[in-house]
PDB file of N, CA and C in Angstrom:
ATOM      1  N   MET A   1      -2.811  16.380   9.698  1.00  0.00           N
ATOM      2  CA  MET A   1      -4.106  16.047  10.379  1.00  0.00           C
ATOM      3  C   MET A   1      -5.161  16.421   9.354  1.00  0.00           C
ATOM      4  N   GLY A   2      -5.743  15.483   8.681  1.00  0.00           N
ATOM      5  CA  GLY A   2      -6.855  15.655   7.766  1.00  0.00           C
ATOM      6  C   GLY A   2      -6.599  16.521   6.546  1.00  0.00           C
ATOM      7  N   ARG A   3      -7.474  16.927   5.925  1.00  0.00           N
ATOM      8  CA  ARG A   3      -7.375  17.783   4.777  1.00  0.00           C
ATOM      9  C   ARG A   3      -7.488  19.245   5.158  1.00  0.00           C
ATOM     10  N   GLY A   4      -6.845  20.103   4.425  1.00  0.00           N
ATOM     11  CA  GLY A   4      -6.813  21.534   4.775  1.00  0.00           C
ATOM     12  C   GLY A   4      -8.168  22.238   4.302  1.00  0.00           C
ATOM     13  N   LEU A   5      -8.211  23.483   4.703  1.00  0.00           N
ATOM     14  CA  LEU A   5      -9.346  24.352   4.383  1.00  0.00           C
ATOM     15  C   LEU A   5      -9.629  24.409   2.949  1.00  0.00           C
ATOM     16  N   ALA A   6      -8.520  24.473   2.154  1.00  0.00           N
ATOM     17  CA  ALA A   6      -8.685  24.585   0.720  1.00  0.00           C
ATOM     18  C   ALA A   6      -9.419  23.411   0.141  1.00  0.00           C
ATOM     19  N   TRP A   7      -9.225  22.293   0.605  1.00  0.00           N
ATOM     20  CA  TRP A   7      -9.912  21.084   0.094  1.00  0.00           C
ATOM     21  C   TRP A   7     -11.355  21.169   0.516  1.00  0.00           C
ATOM     22  N   HIS A   8     -11.623  21.549   1.764  1.00  0.00           N
ATOM     23  CA  HIS A   8     -13.054  21.576   2.258  1.00  0.00           C
ATOM     24  C   HIS A   8     -13.794  22.722   1.571  1.00  0.00           C
ATOM     25  N   CYS A   9     -13.150  23.772   1.269  1.00  0.00           N
ATOM     26  CA  CYS A   9     -13.826  24.965   0.629  1.00  0.00           C
ATOM     27  C   CYS A   9     -13.380  25.175  -0.763  1.00  0.00           C
ATOM     28  N   ALA A  10     -13.373  24.119  -1.460  1.00  0.00           N
ATOM     29  CA  ALA A  10     -12.869  24.331  -2.909  1.00  0.00           C
ATOM     30  C   ALA A  10     -13.622  25.304  -3.670  1.00  0.00           C
ATOM     31  N   GLY A  11     -13.022  26.253  -4.267  1.00  0.00           N
ATOM     32  CA  GLY A  11     -13.663  27.272  -4.979  1.00  0.00           C
ATOM     33  C   GLY A  11     -13.886  28.570  -4.230  1.00  0.00           C
ATOM     34  N   VAL A  12     -13.636  28.506  -2.880  1.00  0.00           N
ATOM     35  CA  VAL A  12     -13.940  29.752  -2.111  1.00  0.00           C
ATOM     36  C   VAL A  12     -12.681  30.660  -2.171  1.00  0.00           C
ATOM     37  N   ALA A  13     -12.889  31.988  -2.579  1.00  0.00           N
ATOM     38  CA  ALA A  13     -11.758  32.809  -2.680  1.00  0.00           C
ATOM     39  C   ALA A  13     -11.135  32.997  -1.447  1.00  0.00           C
ATOM     40  N   GLY A  14      -9.742  33.082  -1.418  1.00  0.00           N
ATOM     41  CA  GLY A  14      -8.968  33.315  -0.189  1.00  0.00           C
ATOM     42  C   GLY A  14      -8.778  32.156   0.746  1.00  0.00           C
ATOM     43  N   ALA A  15      -9.185  30.972   0.242  1.00  0.00           N
ATOM     44  CA  ALA A  15      -9.090  29.766   1.133  1.00  0.00           C
ATOM     45  C   ALA A  15      -7.990  28.779   0.558  1.00  0.00           C
ATOM     46  N   GLY A  16      -7.141  29.322  -0.258  1.00  0.00           N
ATOM     47  CA  GLY A  16      -6.116  28.485  -0.888  1.00  0.00           C
ATOM     48  C   GLY A  16      -4.937  28.243   0.017  1.00  0.00           C
ATOM     49  N   PRO A  17      -3.976  27.427  -0.370  1.00  0.00           N
ATOM     50  CA  PRO A  17      -2.766  27.131   0.305  1.00  0.00           C
ATOM     51  C   PRO A  17      -2.000  28.412   0.639  1.00  0.00           C
ATOM     52  N   GLY A  18      -1.563  28.630   1.882  1.00  0.00           N
ATOM     53  CA  GLY A  18      -0.826  29.803   2.177  1.00  0.00           C
ATOM     54  C   GLY A  18      -1.583  31.044   2.515  1.00  0.00           C
ATOM     55  N   SER A  19      -2.902  30.892   2.391  1.00  0.00           N
ATOM     56  CA  SER A  19      -3.769  32.036   2.703  1.00  0.00           C
ATOM     57  C   SER A  19      -3.907  32.125   4.325  1.00  0.00           C
ATOM     58  N   SER A  20      -4.282  33.248   4.818  1.00  0.00           N
ATOM     59  CA  SER A  20      -4.494  33.487   6.238  1.00  0.00           C
ATOM     60  C   SER A  20      -5.735  32.601   6.708  1.00  0.00           C
ATOM     61  N   LEU A  21      -6.660  32.439   5.817  1.00  0.00           N
ATOM     62  CA  LEU A  21      -7.826  31.557   6.173  1.00  0.00           C
ATOM     63  C   LEU A  21      -7.376  30.143   6.325  1.00  0.00           C
ATOM     64  N   GLN A  22      -6.444  29.700   5.466  1.00  0.00           N
ATOM     65  CA  GLN A  22      -5.898  28.343   5.596  1.00  0.00           C
ATOM     66  C   GLN A  22      -5.178  28.174   6.882  1.00  0.00           C
ATOM     67  N   ALA A  23      -4.281  29.153   7.171  1.00  0.00           N
ATOM     68  CA  ALA A  23      -3.552  29.225   8.445  1.00  0.00           C
ATOM     69  C   ALA A  23      -4.412  29.143   9.617  1.00  0.00           C
ATOM     70  N   ALA A  24      -5.540  29.827   9.663  1.00  0.00           N
ATOM     71  CA  ALA A  24      -6.514  29.896  10.802  1.00  0.00           C
ATOM     72  C   ALA A  24      -7.132  28.566  10.940  1.00  0.00           C
ATOM     73  N   TRP A  25      -7.559  27.898   9.799  1.00  0.00           N
ATOM     74  CA  TRP A  25      -8.160  26.613   9.788  1.00  0.00           C
ATOM     75  C   TRP A  25      -7.143  25.528  10.423  1.00  0.00           C
ATOM     76  N   ASP A  26      -5.946  25.563   9.999  1.00  0.00           N
ATOM     77  CA  ASP A  26      -4.883  24.576  10.397  1.00  0.00           C
ATOM     78  C   ASP A  26      -4.721  24.796  11.868  1.00  0.00           C
ATOM     79  N   ALA A  27      -4.615  26.055  12.345  1.00  0.00           N
ATOM     80  CA  ALA A  27      -4.410  26.373  13.726  1.00  0.00           C
ATOM     81  C   ALA A  27      -5.586  25.792  14.617  1.00  0.00           C
ATOM     82  N   ALA A  28      -6.778  26.034  14.072  1.00  0.00           N
ATOM     83  CA  ALA A  28      -7.977  25.629  15.020  1.00  0.00           C
ATOM     84  C   ALA A  28      -7.967  24.115  15.033  1.00  0.00           C
ATOM     85  N   GLN A  29      -7.757  23.416  13.929  1.00  0.00           N
ATOM     86  CA  GLN A  29      -7.695  21.935  14.018  1.00  0.00           C
ATOM     87  C   GLN A  29      -6.600  21.390  14.838  1.00  0.00           C
ATOM     88  N   THR A  30      -5.425  22.111  14.947  1.00  0.00           N
ATOM     89  CA  THR A  30      -4.266  21.761  15.779  1.00  0.00           C
ATOM     90  C   THR A  30      -4.606  21.918  17.215  1.00  0.00           C
ATOM     91  N   TRP A  31      -5.333  23.039  17.543  1.00  0.00           N
ATOM     92  CA  TRP A  31      -5.599  23.288  18.892  1.00  0.00           C
ATOM     93  C   TRP A  31      -6.752  22.608  19.494  1.00  0.00           C
ATOM     94  N   PHE A  32      -7.810  22.371  18.645  1.00  0.00           N
ATOM     95  CA  PHE A  32      -9.089  21.760  19.075  1.00  0.00           C
ATOM     96  C   PHE A  32      -9.340  20.348  18.807  1.00  0.00           C
ATOM     97  N   ALA A  33      -8.956  19.847  17.535  1.00  0.00           N
ATOM     98  CA  ALA A  33      -9.283  18.596  17.208  1.00  0.00           C
ATOM     99  C   ALA A  33      -8.384  17.550  17.937  1.00  0.00           C
ATOM    100  N   PRO A  34      -8.890  16.485  18.402  1.00  0.00           N
ATOM    101  CA  PRO A  34      -8.047  15.434  19.053  1.00  0.00           C
ATOM    102  C   PRO A  34      -7.072  14.792  18.080  1.00  0.00           C
ATOM    103  N   VAL A  35      -5.884  14.488  18.373  1.00  0.00           N
ATOM    104  CA  VAL A  35      -4.803  13.933  17.581  1.00  0.00           C
ATOM    105  C   VAL A  35      -5.346  12.647  17.051  1.00  0.00           C
ATOM    106  N   ASP A  36      -5.951  11.828  17.847  1.00  0.00           N
ATOM    107  CA  ASP A  36      -6.433  10.467  17.399  1.00  0.00           C
ATOM    108  C   ASP A  36      -7.661  10.433  16.774  1.00  0.00           C
ATOM    109  N   GLY A  37      -8.289  11.522  16.340  1.00  0.00           N
ATOM    110  CA  GLY A  37      -9.570  11.542  15.666  1.00  0.00           C
ATOM    111  C   GLY A  37     -10.714  11.923  16.544  1.00  0.00           C
ATOM    112  N   ASN A  38     -11.861  11.274  16.424  1.00  0.00           N
ATOM    113  CA  ASN A  38     -13.044  11.567  17.181  1.00  0.00           C
ATOM    114  C   ASN A  38     -13.125  10.538  18.338  1.00  0.00           C
ATOM    115  N   PRO A  39     -13.328  11.033  19.548  1.00  0.00           N
ATOM    116  CA  PRO A  39     -13.356  10.047  20.703  1.00  0.00           C
ATOM    117  C   PRO A  39     -14.633   9.159  20.667  1.00  0.00           C
ATOM    118  N   LEU A  40     -15.620   9.619  20.019  1.00  0.00           N
ATOM    119  CA  LEU A  40     -16.884   8.813  19.896  1.00  0.00           C
ATOM    120  C   LEU A  40     -16.541   7.549  19.162  1.00  0.00           C
ATOM    121  N   ARG A  41     -15.742   7.585  18.161  1.00  0.00           N
ATOM    122  CA  ARG A  41     -15.347   6.357  17.389  1.00  0.00           C
ATOM    123  C   ARG A  41     -14.805   5.332  18.320  1.00  0.00           C
ATOM    124  N   THR A  42     -13.860   5.779  19.130  1.00  0.00           N
ATOM    125  CA  THR A  42     -13.196   4.864  20.058  1.00  0.00           C
ATOM    126  C   THR A  42     -14.134   4.187  21.108  1.00  0.00           C
ATOM    127  N   VAL A  43     -15.126   4.994  21.578  1.00  0.00           N
ATOM    128  CA  VAL A  43     -16.102   4.610  22.569  1.00  0.00           C
ATOM    129  C   VAL A  43     -16.942   3.512  21.891  1.00  0.00           C
ATOM    130  N   LEU A  44     -17.515   3.882  20.714  1.00  0.00           N
ATOM    131  CA  LEU A  44     -18.316   2.883  19.950  1.00  0.00           C
ATOM    132  C   LEU A  44     -17.585   1.645  19.662  1.00  0.00           C
ATOM    133  N   GLN A  45     -16.359   1.701  19.297  1.00  0.00           N
ATOM    134  CA  GLN A  45     -15.611   0.509  18.992  1.00  0.00           C
ATOM    135  C   GLN A  45     -15.318  -0.417  20.138  1.00  0.00           C
ATOM    136  N   ASP A  46     -14.896   0.311  21.282  1.00  0.00           N
ATOM    137  CA  ASP A  46     -14.630  -0.401  22.513  1.00  0.00           C
ATOM    138  C   ASP A  46     -15.766  -0.938  23.247  1.00  0.00           C
ATOM    139  N   THR A  47     -16.910  -0.241  23.319  1.00  0.00           N
ATOM    140  CA  THR A  47     -18.071  -0.780  23.957  1.00  0.00           C
ATOM    141  C   THR A  47     -18.945  -1.642  23.238  1.00  0.00           C
ATOM    142  N   GLY A  48     -19.042  -1.483  21.947  1.00  0.00           N
ATOM    143  CA  GLY A  48     -19.864  -2.248  21.041  1.00  0.00           C
ATOM    144  C   GLY A  48     -19.212  -3.133  20.078  1.00  0.00           C
ATOM    145  N   GLY A  49     -17.986  -3.100  20.046  1.00  0.00           N
ATOM    146  CA  GLY A  49     -17.219  -3.883  19.073  1.00  0.00           C
ATOM    147  C   GLY A  49     -17.501  -3.521  17.638  1.00  0.00           C
ATOM    148  N   LEU A  50     -17.872  -2.267  17.382  1.00  0.00           N
ATOM    149  CA  LEU A  50     -18.329  -1.863  15.994  1.00  0.00           C
ATOM    150  C   LEU A  50     -17.096  -1.722  15.124  1.00  0.00           C
ATOM    151  N   ARG A  51     -17.299  -2.099  13.834  1.00  0.00           N
ATOM    152  CA  ARG A  51     -16.274  -1.947  12.840  1.00  0.00           C
ATOM    153  C   ARG A  51     -16.712  -0.830  11.902  1.00  0.00           C
ATOM    154  N   PRO A  52     -15.773  -0.126  11.230  1.00  0.00           N
ATOM    155  CA  PRO A  52     -16.041   1.084  10.547  1.00  0.00           C
ATOM    156  C   PRO A  52     -17.066   0.912   9.401  1.00  0.00           C
ATOM    157  N   ARG A  53     -17.095  -0.171   8.690  1.00  0.00           N
ATOM    158  CA  ARG A  53     -17.991  -0.282   7.426  1.00  0.00           C
ATOM    159  C   ARG A  53     -19.008  -1.428   7.685  1.00  0.00           C
ATOM    160  N   ALA A  54     -19.066  -2.047   8.823  1.00  0.00           N
ATOM    161  CA  ALA A  54     -20.002  -3.091   9.022  1.00  0.00           C
ATOM    162  C   ALA A  54     -21.361  -2.384   9.426  1.00  0.00           C
ATOM    163  N   PRO A  55     -22.420  -2.863   8.752  1.00  0.00           N
ATOM    164  CA  PRO A  55     -23.768  -2.223   9.106  1.00  0.00           C
ATOM    165  C   PRO A  55     -24.074  -2.382  10.605  1.00  0.00           C
ATOM    166  N   LEU A  56     -24.663  -1.298  11.180  1.00  0.00           N
ATOM    167  CA  LEU A  56     -25.110  -1.345  12.512  1.00  0.00           C
ATOM    168  C   LEU A  56     -26.567  -1.605  12.777  1.00  0.00           C
ATOM    169  N   HIS A  57     -27.258  -1.128  11.740  1.00  0.00           N
ATOM    170  CA  HIS A  57     -28.755  -1.263  11.884  1.00  0.00           C
ATOM    171  C   HIS A  57     -29.304  -2.431  11.067  1.00  0.00           C
ATOM    172  N   ARG A  58     -29.889  -3.407  11.850  1.00  0.00           N
ATOM    173  CA  ARG A  58     -30.374  -4.557  11.080  1.00  0.00           C
ATOM    174  C   ARG A  58     -31.825  -4.902  11.318  1.00  0.00           C
ATOM    175  N   ASP A  59     -32.527  -4.040  12.256  1.00  0.00           N
ATOM    176  CA  ASP A  59     -33.858  -4.225  12.525  1.00  0.00           C
ATOM    177  C   ASP A  59     -34.807  -3.558  11.573  1.00  0.00           C
ATOM    178  N   ALA A  60     -35.506  -4.428  10.720  1.00  0.00           N
ATOM    179  CA  ALA A  60     -36.298  -3.929   9.602  1.00  0.00           C
ATOM    180  C   ALA A  60     -37.594  -3.298  10.165  1.00  0.00           C
ATOM    181  N   THR A  61     -37.991  -3.472  11.465  1.00  0.00           N
ATOM    182  CA  THR A  61     -39.205  -2.826  11.971  1.00  0.00           C
ATOM    183  C   THR A  61     -39.051  -1.530  12.453  1.00  0.00           C
ATOM    184  N   LEU A  62     -37.741  -1.209  12.623  1.00  0.00           N
ATOM    185  CA  LEU A  62     -37.412   0.246  13.152  1.00  0.00           C
ATOM    186  C   LEU A  62     -36.857   1.005  12.043  1.00  0.00           C
ATOM    187  N   HIS A  63     -37.429   2.201  11.672  1.00  0.00           N
ATOM    188  CA  HIS A  63     -36.869   3.019  10.664  1.00  0.00           C
ATOM    189  C   HIS A  63     -36.016   4.017  11.227  1.00  0.00           C
ATOM    190  N   LEU A  64     -34.690   3.901  11.062  1.00  0.00           N
ATOM    191  CA  LEU A  64     -33.740   4.703  11.589  1.00  0.00           C
ATOM    192  C   LEU A  64     -33.021   5.510  10.521  1.00  0.00           C
ATOM    193  N   PHE A  65     -32.855   6.739  10.621  1.00  0.00           N
ATOM    194  CA  PHE A  65     -32.160   7.623   9.629  1.00  0.00           C
ATOM    195  C   PHE A  65     -31.073   8.440  10.374  1.00  0.00           C
ATOM    196  N   ILE A  66     -29.934   8.591   9.763  1.00  0.00           N
ATOM    197  CA  ILE A  66     -28.825   9.305  10.324  1.00  0.00           C
ATOM    198  C   ILE A  66     -28.333  10.335   9.300  1.00  0.00           C
ATOM    199  N   GLY A  67     -28.267  11.539   9.641  1.00  0.00           N
ATOM    200  CA  GLY A  67     -27.786  12.586   8.632  1.00  0.00           C
ATOM    201  C   GLY A  67     -26.454  13.102   8.998  1.00  0.00           C
ATOM    202  N   ALA A  68     -25.762  13.490   7.927  1.00  0.00           N
ATOM    203  CA  ALA A  68     -24.403  14.092   8.015  1.00  0.00           C
ATOM    204  C   ALA A  68     -24.324  15.120   6.845  1.00  0.00           C
ATOM    205  N   THR A  69     -23.521  16.161   7.034  1.00  0.00           N
ATOM    206  CA  THR A  69     -23.436  17.181   5.876  1.00  0.00           C
ATOM    207  C   THR A  69     -22.114  17.011   5.198  1.00  0.00           C
ATOM    208  N   ASN A  70     -22.206  16.992   3.875  1.00  0.00           N
ATOM    209  CA  ASN A  70     -21.026  16.950   3.051  1.00  0.00           C
ATOM    210  C   ASN A  70     -20.279  18.262   3.128  1.00  0.00           C
ATOM    211  N   VAL A  71     -18.968  18.188   3.564  1.00  0.00           N
ATOM    212  CA  VAL A  71     -18.225  19.386   3.910  1.00  0.00           C
ATOM    213  C   VAL A  71     -18.111  20.247   2.705  1.00  0.00           C
ATOM    214  N   ARG A  72     -17.909  19.639   1.422  1.00  0.00           N
ATOM    215  CA  ARG A  72     -17.558  20.449   0.300  1.00  0.00           C
ATOM    216  C   ARG A  72     -18.806  21.084  -0.294  1.00  0.00           C
ATOM    217  N   SER A  73     -19.906  20.313  -0.369  1.00  0.00           N
ATOM    218  CA  SER A  73     -21.100  20.873  -1.074  1.00  0.00           C
ATOM    219  C   SER A  73     -22.131  21.441  -0.068  1.00  0.00           C
ATOM    220  N   GLY A  74     -22.162  20.983   1.132  1.00  0.00           N
ATOM    221  CA  GLY A  74     -23.160  21.445   2.164  1.00  0.00           C
ATOM    222  C   GLY A  74     -24.401  20.590   2.103  1.00  0.00           C
ATOM    223  N   LYS A  75     -24.435  19.609   1.220  1.00  0.00           N
ATOM    224  CA  LYS A  75     -25.618  18.954   1.057  1.00  0.00           C
ATOM    225  C   LYS A  75     -25.707  17.746   2.119  1.00  0.00           C
ATOM    226  N   LEU A  76     -27.019  17.528   2.564  1.00  0.00           N
ATOM    227  CA  LEU A  76     -27.296  16.506   3.578  1.00  0.00           C
ATOM    228  C   LEU A  76     -27.218  15.070   3.067  1.00  0.00           C
ATOM    229  N   ARG A  77     -26.561  14.222   3.694  1.00  0.00           N
ATOM    230  CA  ARG A  77     -26.509  12.725   3.294  1.00  0.00           C
ATOM    231  C   ARG A  77     -27.324  12.017   4.329  1.00  0.00           C
ATOM    232  N   ILE A  78     -28.358  11.281   3.960  1.00  0.00           N
ATOM    233  CA  ILE A  78     -29.235  10.462   4.827  1.00  0.00           C
ATOM    234  C   ILE A  78     -28.735   9.076   4.717  1.00  0.00           C
ATOM    235  N   SER A  79     -28.418   8.432   5.836  1.00  0.00           N
ATOM    236  CA  SER A  79     -28.001   6.999   5.792  1.00  0.00           C
ATOM    237  C   SER A  79     -29.164   6.299   6.438  1.00  0.00           C
ATOM    238  N   ARG A  80     -29.459   5.038   5.889  1.00  0.00           N
ATOM    239  CA  ARG A  80     -30.550   4.294   6.359  1.00  0.00           C
ATOM    240  C   ARG A  80     -30.201   2.780   6.136  1.00  0.00           C
ATOM    241  N   GLY A  81     -30.845   2.010   6.946  1.00  0.00           N
ATOM    242  CA  GLY A  81     -30.697   0.444   6.774  1.00  0.00           C
ATOM    243  C   GLY A  81     -29.162   0.074   6.811  1.00  0.00           C
ATOM    244  N   ALA A  82     -28.706  -0.598   5.789  1.00  0.00           N
ATOM    245  CA  ALA A  82     -27.318  -1.161   5.751  1.00  0.00           C
ATOM    246  C   ALA A  82     -26.267  -0.018   5.523  1.00  0.00           C
ATOM    247  N   GLN A  83     -26.751   1.170   5.207  1.00  0.00           N
ATOM    248  CA  GLN A  83     -25.841   2.351   5.127  1.00  0.00           C
ATOM    249  C   GLN A  83     -25.340   2.885   6.416  1.00  0.00           C
ATOM    250  N   ILE A  84     -26.131   2.518   7.534  1.00  0.00           N
ATOM    251  CA  ILE A  84     -25.835   3.012   8.832  1.00  0.00           C
ATOM    252  C   ILE A  84     -24.691   2.127   9.423  1.00  0.00           C
ATOM    253  N   ASN A  85     -23.490   2.720   9.491  1.00  0.00           N
ATOM    254  CA  ASN A  85     -22.368   2.095  10.028  1.00  0.00           C
ATOM    255  C   ASN A  85     -21.662   2.998  11.010  1.00  0.00           C
ATOM    256  N   LEU A  86     -20.500   2.624  11.534  1.00  0.00           N
ATOM    257  CA  LEU A  86     -19.730   3.378  12.464  1.00  0.00           C
ATOM    258  C   LEU A  86     -19.420   4.754  11.969  1.00  0.00           C
ATOM    259  N   ASP A  87     -18.966   4.744  10.635  1.00  0.00           N
ATOM    260  CA  ASP A  87     -18.588   5.991   9.953  1.00  0.00           C
ATOM    261  C   ASP A  87     -19.782   7.018   9.880  1.00  0.00           C
ATOM    262  N   ALA A  88     -21.001   6.521   9.566  1.00  0.00           N
ATOM    263  CA  ALA A  88     -22.111   7.371   9.451  1.00  0.00           C
ATOM    264  C   ALA A  88     -22.511   7.897  10.778  1.00  0.00           C
ATOM    265  N   VAL A  89     -22.381   7.178  11.921  1.00  0.00           N
ATOM    266  CA  VAL A  89     -22.758   7.628  13.134  1.00  0.00           C
ATOM    267  C   VAL A  89     -21.789   8.670  13.691  1.00  0.00           C
ATOM    268  N   VAL A  90     -20.446   8.417  13.474  1.00  0.00           N
ATOM    269  CA  VAL A  90     -19.459   9.378  13.909  1.00  0.00           C
ATOM    270  C   VAL A  90     -19.569  10.685  13.032  1.00  0.00           C
ATOM    271  N   ALA A  91     -19.742  10.551  11.735  1.00  0.00           N
ATOM    272  CA  ALA A  91     -19.866  11.831  11.002  1.00  0.00           C
ATOM    273  C   ALA A  91     -21.097  12.644  11.381  1.00  0.00           C
ATOM    274  N   SER A  92     -22.202  11.947  11.809  1.00  0.00           N
ATOM    275  CA  SER A  92     -23.349  12.737  12.162  1.00  0.00           C
ATOM    276  C   SER A  92     -23.250  13.495  13.543  1.00  0.00           C
ATOM    277  N   ALA A  93     -22.218  13.048  14.306  1.00  0.00           N
ATOM    278  CA  ALA A  93     -21.940  13.734  15.566  1.00  0.00           C
ATOM    279  C   ALA A  93     -20.665  14.447  15.611  1.00  0.00           C
ATOM    280  N   CYS A  94     -20.022  14.575  14.377  1.00  0.00           N
ATOM    281  CA  CYS A  94     -18.722  15.255  14.216  1.00  0.00           C
ATOM    282  C   CYS A  94     -18.913  16.719  14.194  1.00  0.00           C
ATOM    283  N   LEU A  95     -18.578  17.449  15.210  1.00  0.00           N
ATOM    284  CA  LEU A  95     -18.662  18.900  15.258  1.00  0.00           C
ATOM    285  C   LEU A  95     -17.554  19.593  14.369  1.00  0.00           C
ATOM    286  N   PRO A  96     -18.049  20.423  13.455  1.00  0.00           N
ATOM    287  CA  PRO A  96     -16.974  21.061  12.555  1.00  0.00           C
ATOM    288  C   PRO A  96     -15.881  21.858  13.349  1.00  0.00           C
ATOM    289  N   VAL A  97     -14.609  21.632  12.869  1.00  0.00           N
ATOM    290  CA  VAL A  97     -13.494  22.250  13.335  1.00  0.00           C
ATOM    291  C   VAL A  97     -13.058  21.495  14.698  1.00  0.00           C
ATOM    292  N   LEU A  98     -13.941  21.098  15.570  1.00  0.00           N
ATOM    293  CA  LEU A  98     -13.514  20.436  16.793  1.00  0.00           C
ATOM    294  C   LEU A  98     -13.075  19.030  16.540  1.00  0.00           C
ATOM    295  N   PHE A  99     -13.559  18.370  15.527  1.00  0.00           N
ATOM    296  CA  PHE A  99     -13.224  16.966  15.105  1.00  0.00           C
ATOM    297  C   PHE A  99     -12.893  16.964  13.752  1.00  0.00           C
ATOM    298  N   PRO A 100     -11.945  16.095  13.245  1.00  0.00           N
ATOM    299  CA  PRO A 100     -11.742  15.974  11.794  1.00  0.00           C
ATOM    300  C   PRO A 100     -12.927  15.324  11.162  1.00  0.00           C
ATOM    301  N   ALA A 101     -13.207  15.824   9.903  1.00  0.00           N
ATOM    302  CA  ALA A 101     -14.353  15.321   9.189  1.00  0.00           C
ATOM    303  C   ALA A 101     -14.213  13.812   8.901  1.00  0.00           C
ATOM    304  N   VAL A 102     -15.228  13.143   8.696  1.00  0.00           N
ATOM    305  CA  VAL A 102     -15.187  11.694   8.494  1.00  0.00           C
ATOM    306  C   VAL A 102     -15.371  11.393   6.999  1.00  0.00           C
ATOM    307  N   GLU A 103     -14.479  10.618   6.463  1.00  0.00           N
ATOM    308  CA  GLU A 103     -14.555  10.331   4.995  1.00  0.00           C
ATOM    309  C   GLU A 103     -15.477   9.125   4.853  1.00  0.00           C
ATOM    310  N   ILE A 104     -16.365   9.273   3.908  1.00  0.00           N
ATOM    311  CA  ILE A 104     -17.355   8.236   3.495  1.00  0.00           C
ATOM    312  C   ILE A 104     -17.406   8.289   1.993  1.00  0.00           C
ATOM    313  N   ASP A 105     -17.113   7.195   1.342  1.00  0.00           N
ATOM    314  CA  ASP A 105     -17.115   7.054  -0.156  1.00  0.00           C
ATOM    315  C   ASP A 105     -16.390   8.245  -0.774  1.00  0.00           C
ATOM    316  N   GLY A 106     -15.224   8.560  -0.223  1.00  0.00           N
ATOM    317  CA  GLY A 106     -14.361   9.525  -0.858  1.00  0.00           C
ATOM    318  C   GLY A 106     -14.674  11.043  -0.537  1.00  0.00           C
ATOM    319  N   GLU A 107     -15.802  11.191   0.234  1.00  0.00           N
ATOM    320  CA  GLU A 107     -16.108  12.587   0.565  1.00  0.00           C
ATOM    321  C   GLU A 107     -16.072  12.840   2.054  1.00  0.00           C
ATOM    322  N   SER A 108     -15.859  14.055   2.515  1.00  0.00           N
ATOM    323  CA  SER A 108     -15.770  14.333   3.938  1.00  0.00           C
ATOM    324  C   SER A 108     -17.179  14.748   4.429  1.00  0.00           C
ATOM    325  N   TYR A 109     -17.551  14.298   5.582  1.00  0.00           N
ATOM    326  CA  TYR A 109     -18.833  14.584   6.225  1.00  0.00           C
ATOM    327  C   TYR A 109     -18.650  14.983   7.709  1.00  0.00           C
ATOM    328  N   TRP A 110     -19.500  15.851   8.188  1.00  0.00           N
ATOM    329  CA  TRP A 110     -19.630  16.168   9.556  1.00  0.00           C
ATOM    330  C   TRP A 110     -20.998  16.620   9.934  1.00  0.00           C
ATOM    331  N   ASP A 111     -21.285  16.884  11.179  1.00  0.00           N
ATOM    332  CA  ASP A 111     -22.585  17.229  11.679  1.00  0.00           C
ATOM    333  C   ASP A 111     -23.020  18.583  11.051  1.00  0.00           C
ATOM    334  N   GLY A 112     -24.216  18.868  10.995  1.00  0.00           N
ATOM    335  CA  GLY A 112     -24.813  20.063  10.523  1.00  0.00           C
ATOM    336  C   GLY A 112     -26.065  19.885   9.803  1.00  0.00           C
ATOM    337  N   GLY A 113     -26.639  18.708   9.943  1.00  0.00           N
ATOM    338  CA  GLY A 113     -27.859  18.487   9.195  1.00  0.00           C
ATOM    339  C   GLY A 113     -29.040  18.743  10.143  1.00  0.00           C
TER     340      GLY A 113
END
């Protein structure tokens, strides 16, 4: 189920494979994270026919910005215009530990911005 704590916390002491911190992270994801990912993704796909990498925002008169936090670095990623897609929306609403992080351009993101 997703990447382990060691990947998310690269460089953090005590977060490596086999550590108690890693075991706690794995247990939390097993207990709390849905097996099939984030239910918001399913709702958006079913009700709006949205596709993961297709732009959602096409109205040039409305300035919409969506933020998600890079799991590894903690830096905020702001999506705008054609960057706003299903992955960006789901990542911005992805509660840490409760849902698996969303991968965008090879990096994991979740809510926290």
